[in-house]
Structure formats: C-alpha cells, structure tokens
Amino acid sequence: KFNSGYGSAATAYGCRAWVNFNGTGTVAIRESGNVSSITDVGTGNYTVNFAVNMPDVNYSCTSNAVKGGGAPSQSNSVGAYYREDRVLVSGIELYTVTFAGSLIDPTFVMATIIR
C-alpha cells in the first residue's frame, strides 16, 4: 500500500506482464515484460507465454492490434480478444479479428496483464 496522490494509502495493482509483438510472418516480440515467448497457433491466433506464472487465472487482460498501413481507419483496425477457456497461469491465448470477422495476422499486437 502507498499514497499515490489520492489522499490515503491504498493497495496498488501492478502490471504483471505486457508485450508488443509483430504478428505477421515469423512472430517477433518487439518489447515485453514477464513474457518469455509468443507461440503462433495459426492465422490470427497467438499464445502469450509468461516468464513467471501468474498466481492464478483471476487476472485482467487488455489487448489491441492494428494491421498497419497508415492512419487509423476501418480498413486497418483489428480487434484483439482472448478466449475465457484459454486464460492460464502460464499464458493467455489471443485472437485478432477484422471488423468483418475474419482472423488476421496484424503488424502490431499488444497485451497488458494486470493482477
């Protein structure tokens, strides 16, 4: 607990893992924290493997992706999601999907794990 400027000491919940990776071709981590590797499961499907396991599966994952190719638009925006049955202490499986609902390998995939 610490006083983070809100007037009283409170429990702080930290980022336990994060990653920014290229999802096209041979997947490659650009930068990360507590992520040992990325597994390319198939088109638009990746497993983010943690270097140190989470204490349980009750964490929060925020993820996003972009196809690349210039200014944000509907043609290059991609949703990044996870399956609730693939949230593990050792990692999390992500899916990247176009607005039309097709799986896609985007240029940028990012995820943040809070616990």
N, C-alpha and C. Protein backbone atom coordinates (compact mmCIF):
# COMPACT_ATOMS: atom_id res chain seq x y z
N LYS A 1 0.84 -1.19 0.00
CA LYS A 1 0.00 0.00 0.00
C LYS A 1 0.88 1.24 0.00
N PHE A 2 0.40 2.27 -0.68
CA PHE A 2 1.09 3.55 -0.67
C PHE A 2 0.11 4.64 -1.06
N ASN A 3 0.46 5.87 -0.74
CA ASN A 3 -0.36 7.02 -1.09
C ASN A 3 0.09 7.48 -2.48
N SER A 4 -0.76 7.25 -3.45
CA SER A 4 -0.40 7.61 -4.82
C SER A 4 -0.98 8.96 -5.23
N GLY A 5 -1.31 9.78 -4.24
CA GLY A 5 -1.80 11.11 -4.54
C GLY A 5 -3.29 11.29 -4.38
N TYR A 6 -3.97 10.26 -3.93
CA TYR A 6 -5.42 10.34 -3.75
C TYR A 6 -5.81 10.64 -2.31
N GLY A 7 -4.83 10.89 -1.45
CA GLY A 7 -5.12 11.31 -0.09
C GLY A 7 -5.05 10.23 0.96
N SER A 8 -4.91 8.98 0.56
CA SER A 8 -4.78 7.91 1.55
C SER A 8 -4.03 6.73 0.94
N ALA A 9 -3.48 5.90 1.80
CA ALA A 9 -2.76 4.72 1.33
C ALA A 9 -3.76 3.68 0.85
N ALA A 10 -3.49 3.09 -0.29
CA ALA A 10 -4.36 2.07 -0.85
C ALA A 10 -3.51 1.01 -1.55
N THR A 11 -4.07 -0.17 -1.74
CA THR A 11 -3.38 -1.23 -2.43
C THR A 11 -3.18 -0.85 -3.89
N ALA A 12 -1.98 -1.07 -4.38
CA ALA A 12 -1.67 -0.81 -5.79
C ALA A 12 -1.64 -2.13 -6.54
N TYR A 13 -2.25 -2.17 -7.70
CA TYR A 13 -2.26 -3.37 -8.53
C TYR A 13 -1.39 -3.10 -9.75
N GLY A 14 -0.38 -3.91 -9.91
CA GLY A 14 0.59 -3.63 -10.94
C GLY A 14 0.43 -4.43 -12.21
N CYS A 15 1.10 -3.96 -13.22
CA CYS A 15 1.17 -4.67 -14.49
C CYS A 15 2.09 -5.88 -14.28
N ARG A 16 1.56 -7.08 -14.42
CA ARG A 16 2.33 -8.31 -14.18
C ARG A 16 3.01 -8.82 -15.43
N ALA A 17 2.50 -8.43 -16.61
CA ALA A 17 3.12 -8.81 -17.88
C ALA A 17 2.59 -7.89 -18.97
N TRP A 18 3.42 -7.66 -19.99
CA TRP A 18 2.99 -6.88 -21.15
C TRP A 18 3.84 -7.29 -22.34
N VAL A 19 3.29 -7.06 -23.53
CA VAL A 19 4.02 -7.42 -24.74
C VAL A 19 3.55 -6.58 -25.92
N ASN A 20 4.48 -6.29 -26.81
CA ASN A 20 4.21 -5.64 -28.09
C ASN A 20 4.94 -6.52 -29.11
N PHE A 21 4.18 -7.14 -30.04
CA PHE A 21 4.84 -8.03 -31.00
C PHE A 21 4.29 -7.89 -32.41
N ASN A 22 5.09 -8.33 -33.38
CA ASN A 22 4.71 -8.37 -34.78
C ASN A 22 4.02 -9.71 -35.02
N GLY A 23 2.77 -9.68 -35.46
CA GLY A 23 2.02 -10.91 -35.67
C GLY A 23 2.06 -11.45 -37.08
N THR A 24 2.83 -10.82 -37.97
CA THR A 24 2.90 -11.29 -39.36
C THR A 24 4.15 -12.13 -39.58
N GLY A 25 4.08 -13.05 -40.53
CA GLY A 25 5.23 -13.90 -40.85
C GLY A 25 5.69 -14.67 -39.62
N THR A 26 6.99 -14.63 -39.35
CA THR A 26 7.52 -15.23 -38.13
C THR A 26 7.29 -14.22 -37.01
N VAL A 27 6.43 -14.57 -36.04
CA VAL A 27 6.11 -13.62 -34.98
C VAL A 27 7.38 -13.23 -34.23
N ALA A 28 7.43 -11.96 -33.83
CA ALA A 28 8.62 -11.45 -33.16
C ALA A 28 8.21 -10.43 -32.10
N ILE A 29 8.71 -10.63 -30.89
CA ILE A 29 8.46 -9.69 -29.80
C ILE A 29 9.31 -8.45 -30.03
N ARG A 30 8.66 -7.27 -30.01
CA ARG A 30 9.40 -6.01 -30.08
C ARG A 30 9.95 -5.67 -28.70
N GLU A 31 9.07 -5.67 -27.73
CA GLU A 31 9.44 -5.42 -26.33
C GLU A 31 8.43 -6.13 -25.45
N SER A 32 8.84 -6.44 -24.22
CA SER A 32 7.92 -7.13 -23.31
C SER A 32 8.43 -7.06 -21.88
N GLY A 33 7.57 -7.43 -20.98
CA GLY A 33 7.92 -7.59 -19.58
C GLY A 33 7.22 -8.85 -19.07
N ASN A 34 7.96 -9.78 -18.50
CA ASN A 34 7.47 -11.06 -17.99
C ASN A 34 6.80 -11.90 -19.08
N VAL A 35 7.24 -11.76 -20.31
CA VAL A 35 6.78 -12.61 -21.41
C VAL A 35 8.00 -13.32 -21.97
N SER A 36 7.96 -14.66 -21.94
CA SER A 36 9.12 -15.43 -22.40
C SER A 36 9.10 -15.65 -23.90
N SER A 37 7.89 -15.80 -24.47
CA SER A 37 7.79 -16.07 -25.91
C SER A 37 6.35 -15.91 -26.37
N ILE A 38 6.19 -15.88 -27.69
CA ILE A 38 4.89 -15.86 -28.34
C ILE A 38 4.82 -17.11 -29.21
N THR A 39 3.72 -17.84 -29.14
CA THR A 39 3.52 -19.00 -30.00
C THR A 39 2.50 -18.64 -31.06
N ASP A 40 2.85 -18.83 -32.32
CA ASP A 40 1.93 -18.60 -33.44
C ASP A 40 1.12 -19.88 -33.62
N VAL A 41 -0.14 -19.86 -33.17
CA VAL A 41 -1.00 -21.04 -33.23
C VAL A 41 -1.63 -21.22 -34.60
N GLY A 42 -1.84 -20.11 -35.30
CA GLY A 42 -2.46 -20.13 -36.63
C GLY A 42 -2.78 -18.70 -37.02
N THR A 43 -3.43 -18.50 -38.15
CA THR A 43 -3.78 -17.16 -38.59
C THR A 43 -4.61 -16.45 -37.52
N GLY A 44 -4.11 -15.29 -37.06
CA GLY A 44 -4.82 -14.50 -36.07
C GLY A 44 -4.96 -15.15 -34.71
N ASN A 45 -4.10 -16.08 -34.36
CA ASN A 45 -4.19 -16.82 -33.11
C ASN A 45 -2.80 -17.00 -32.51
N TYR A 46 -2.61 -16.46 -31.30
CA TYR A 46 -1.29 -16.46 -30.65
C TYR A 46 -1.43 -16.84 -29.18
N THR A 47 -0.41 -17.47 -28.65
CA THR A 47 -0.33 -17.68 -27.20
C THR A 47 0.80 -16.83 -26.66
N VAL A 48 0.49 -16.01 -25.67
CA VAL A 48 1.48 -15.20 -24.97
C VAL A 48 1.92 -16.04 -23.76
N ASN A 49 3.20 -16.44 -23.72
CA ASN A 49 3.72 -17.29 -22.65
C ASN A 49 4.44 -16.43 -21.62
N PHE A 50 4.05 -16.55 -20.35
CA PHE A 50 4.65 -15.76 -19.29
C PHE A 50 5.99 -16.35 -18.86
N ALA A 51 6.94 -15.49 -18.52
CA ALA A 51 8.24 -15.94 -18.00
C ALA A 51 8.06 -16.47 -16.57
N VAL A 52 7.22 -15.80 -15.79
CA VAL A 52 6.88 -16.23 -14.43
C VAL A 52 5.37 -16.37 -14.37
N ASN A 53 4.89 -17.55 -13.98
CA ASN A 53 3.45 -17.81 -13.93
C ASN A 53 2.71 -16.81 -13.05
N MET A 54 1.45 -16.57 -13.39
CA MET A 54 0.56 -15.79 -12.53
C MET A 54 0.17 -16.66 -11.33
N PRO A 55 -0.21 -16.05 -10.19
CA PRO A 55 -0.58 -16.86 -9.03
C PRO A 55 -1.87 -17.65 -9.25
N ASP A 56 -2.72 -17.18 -10.18
CA ASP A 56 -3.97 -17.86 -10.52
C ASP A 56 -4.45 -17.27 -11.84
N VAL A 57 -5.64 -17.66 -12.29
CA VAL A 57 -6.15 -17.16 -13.57
C VAL A 57 -7.09 -15.97 -13.41
N ASN A 58 -7.13 -15.39 -12.24
CA ASN A 58 -8.02 -14.26 -11.98
C ASN A 58 -7.36 -12.92 -12.25
N TYR A 59 -6.77 -12.80 -13.43
CA TYR A 59 -6.13 -11.55 -13.84
C TYR A 59 -6.95 -10.90 -14.95
N SER A 60 -6.58 -9.70 -15.28
CA SER A 60 -7.26 -8.96 -16.35
C SER A 60 -6.30 -8.78 -17.51
N CYS A 61 -6.81 -9.00 -18.72
CA CYS A 61 -6.01 -8.81 -19.93
C CYS A 61 -6.67 -7.75 -20.80
N THR A 62 -5.90 -6.77 -21.19
CA THR A 62 -6.33 -5.78 -22.17
C THR A 62 -5.45 -5.96 -23.39
N SER A 63 -6.07 -6.07 -24.56
CA SER A 63 -5.28 -6.29 -25.77
C SER A 63 -5.84 -5.47 -26.93
N ASN A 64 -4.97 -5.17 -27.87
CA ASN A 64 -5.40 -4.49 -29.09
C ASN A 64 -4.42 -4.81 -30.21
N ALA A 65 -4.81 -4.46 -31.42
CA ALA A 65 -3.97 -4.76 -32.58
C ALA A 65 -4.29 -3.78 -33.70
N VAL A 66 -3.34 -3.65 -34.61
CA VAL A 66 -3.56 -2.83 -35.82
C VAL A 66 -2.82 -3.49 -36.97
N LYS A 67 -3.43 -3.47 -38.12
CA LYS A 67 -2.88 -4.10 -39.31
C LYS A 67 -1.71 -3.33 -39.88
N GLY A 68 -1.64 -2.05 -39.61
CA GLY A 68 -0.59 -1.22 -40.19
C GLY A 68 -1.06 -0.58 -41.48
N GLY A 69 -0.24 0.26 -42.03
CA GLY A 69 -0.57 0.84 -43.31
C GLY A 69 -1.10 2.26 -43.24
N GLY A 70 -0.69 3.03 -42.24
CA GLY A 70 -1.06 4.43 -42.24
C GLY A 70 -2.00 4.83 -41.13
N ALA A 71 -2.74 5.91 -41.40
CA ALA A 71 -3.64 6.49 -40.40
C ALA A 71 -4.73 5.49 -40.02
N PRO A 72 -5.18 5.53 -38.76
CA PRO A 72 -6.24 4.62 -38.33
C PRO A 72 -7.47 4.74 -39.21
N SER A 73 -8.01 3.61 -39.59
CA SER A 73 -9.23 3.57 -40.39
C SER A 73 -9.90 2.22 -40.17
N GLN A 74 -11.11 2.07 -40.66
CA GLN A 74 -11.79 0.79 -40.52
C GLN A 74 -11.05 -0.30 -41.28
N SER A 75 -10.33 0.06 -42.33
CA SER A 75 -9.64 -0.94 -43.14
C SER A 75 -8.38 -1.49 -42.46
N ASN A 76 -7.80 -0.76 -41.51
CA ASN A 76 -6.60 -1.30 -40.87
C ASN A 76 -6.75 -1.50 -39.37
N SER A 77 -7.93 -1.29 -38.82
CA SER A 77 -8.15 -1.55 -37.40
C SER A 77 -8.54 -3.01 -37.20
N VAL A 78 -8.03 -3.59 -36.14
CA VAL A 78 -8.23 -5.00 -35.86
C VAL A 78 -8.58 -5.14 -34.39
N GLY A 79 -9.49 -6.01 -34.06
CA GLY A 79 -9.80 -6.29 -32.66
C GLY A 79 -8.91 -7.41 -32.16
N ALA A 80 -8.51 -7.33 -30.89
CA ALA A 80 -7.71 -8.39 -30.26
C ALA A 80 -8.48 -8.87 -29.04
N TYR A 81 -8.72 -10.17 -28.98
CA TYR A 81 -9.56 -10.75 -27.94
C TYR A 81 -8.90 -11.99 -27.36
N TYR A 82 -9.39 -12.43 -26.21
CA TYR A 82 -8.91 -13.69 -25.66
C TYR A 82 -10.11 -14.58 -25.35
N ARG A 83 -9.88 -15.88 -25.37
CA ARG A 83 -10.92 -16.85 -25.03
C ARG A 83 -10.85 -17.13 -23.55
N GLU A 84 -12.01 -17.10 -22.89
CA GLU A 84 -12.03 -17.31 -21.44
C GLU A 84 -11.54 -18.71 -21.06
N ASP A 85 -11.67 -19.69 -21.94
CA ASP A 85 -11.19 -21.04 -21.62
C ASP A 85 -9.70 -21.21 -21.92
N ARG A 86 -9.04 -20.15 -22.41
CA ARG A 86 -7.60 -20.20 -22.69
C ARG A 86 -6.83 -19.17 -21.87
N VAL A 87 -7.38 -18.83 -20.70
CA VAL A 87 -6.69 -17.99 -19.73
C VAL A 87 -6.01 -18.95 -18.76
N LEU A 88 -4.69 -19.00 -18.77
CA LEU A 88 -3.92 -19.95 -17.98
C LEU A 88 -2.96 -19.22 -17.06
N VAL A 89 -2.46 -19.88 -16.03
CA VAL A 89 -1.44 -19.25 -15.18
C VAL A 89 -0.14 -19.07 -15.95
N SER A 90 0.09 -19.88 -16.97
CA SER A 90 1.33 -19.83 -17.74
C SER A 90 1.26 -18.93 -18.98
N GLY A 91 0.05 -18.46 -19.34
CA GLY A 91 -0.08 -17.61 -20.52
C GLY A 91 -1.53 -17.40 -20.89
N ILE A 92 -1.73 -16.71 -22.01
CA ILE A 92 -3.08 -16.41 -22.48
C ILE A 92 -3.10 -16.48 -24.00
N GLU A 93 -4.20 -17.00 -24.54
CA GLU A 93 -4.34 -17.12 -25.99
C GLU A 93 -5.12 -15.93 -26.52
N LEU A 94 -4.56 -15.26 -27.53
CA LEU A 94 -5.18 -14.09 -28.14
C LEU A 94 -5.63 -14.39 -29.57
N TYR A 95 -6.70 -13.71 -29.98
CA TYR A 95 -7.21 -13.79 -31.34
C TYR A 95 -7.29 -12.39 -31.91
N THR A 96 -6.92 -12.21 -33.16
CA THR A 96 -7.01 -10.91 -33.81
C THR A 96 -7.96 -11.03 -34.99
N VAL A 97 -8.95 -10.13 -35.03
CA VAL A 97 -10.07 -10.26 -35.96
C VAL A 97 -10.35 -8.92 -36.62
N THR A 98 -10.65 -8.94 -37.93
CA THR A 98 -11.05 -7.74 -38.65
C THR A 98 -12.48 -7.37 -38.28
N PHE A 99 -12.91 -6.18 -38.67
CA PHE A 99 -14.30 -5.77 -38.42
C PHE A 99 -15.28 -6.69 -39.13
N ALA A 100 -14.85 -7.31 -40.22
CA ALA A 100 -15.72 -8.24 -40.96
C ALA A 100 -15.79 -9.61 -40.30
N GLY A 101 -14.96 -9.84 -39.27
CA GLY A 101 -15.00 -11.10 -38.54
C GLY A 101 -14.00 -12.14 -38.98
N SER A 102 -13.05 -11.78 -39.83
CA SER A 102 -12.04 -12.73 -40.30
C SER A 102 -10.79 -12.66 -39.43
N LEU A 103 -10.21 -13.81 -39.13
CA LEU A 103 -8.94 -13.83 -38.42
C LEU A 103 -7.87 -13.25 -39.33
N ILE A 104 -6.93 -12.48 -38.72
CA ILE A 104 -5.89 -11.81 -39.49
C ILE A 104 -4.61 -11.74 -38.68
N ASP A 105 -3.48 -11.77 -39.36
CA ASP A 105 -2.17 -11.58 -38.72
C ASP A 105 -1.81 -10.10 -38.83
N PRO A 106 -1.99 -9.32 -37.76
CA PRO A 106 -1.70 -7.89 -37.83
C PRO A 106 -0.23 -7.58 -37.59
N THR A 107 0.15 -6.38 -37.98
CA THR A 107 1.52 -5.91 -37.81
C THR A 107 1.86 -5.65 -36.35
N PHE A 108 0.89 -5.11 -35.61
CA PHE A 108 1.11 -4.79 -34.21
C PHE A 108 0.06 -5.48 -33.35
N VAL A 109 0.51 -6.24 -32.35
CA VAL A 109 -0.38 -6.82 -31.35
C VAL A 109 0.20 -6.46 -29.99
N MET A 110 -0.66 -5.94 -29.10
CA MET A 110 -0.22 -5.54 -27.78
C MET A 110 -1.15 -6.14 -26.73
N ALA A 111 -0.60 -6.52 -25.58
CA ALA A 111 -1.41 -7.04 -24.48
C ALA A 111 -0.78 -6.62 -23.16
N THR A 112 -1.65 -6.35 -22.19
CA THR A 112 -1.24 -5.97 -20.84
C THR A 112 -1.99 -6.83 -19.84
N ILE A 113 -1.27 -7.40 -18.88
CA ILE A 113 -1.87 -8.25 -17.85
C ILE A 113 -1.76 -7.53 -16.51
N ILE A 114 -2.91 -7.33 -15.87
CA ILE A 114 -2.96 -6.68 -14.55
C ILE A 114 -3.46 -7.71 -13.54
N ARG A 115 -2.82 -7.75 -12.38
CA ARG A 115 -3.25 -8.65 -11.30
C ARG A 115 -2.96 -7.99 -9.99
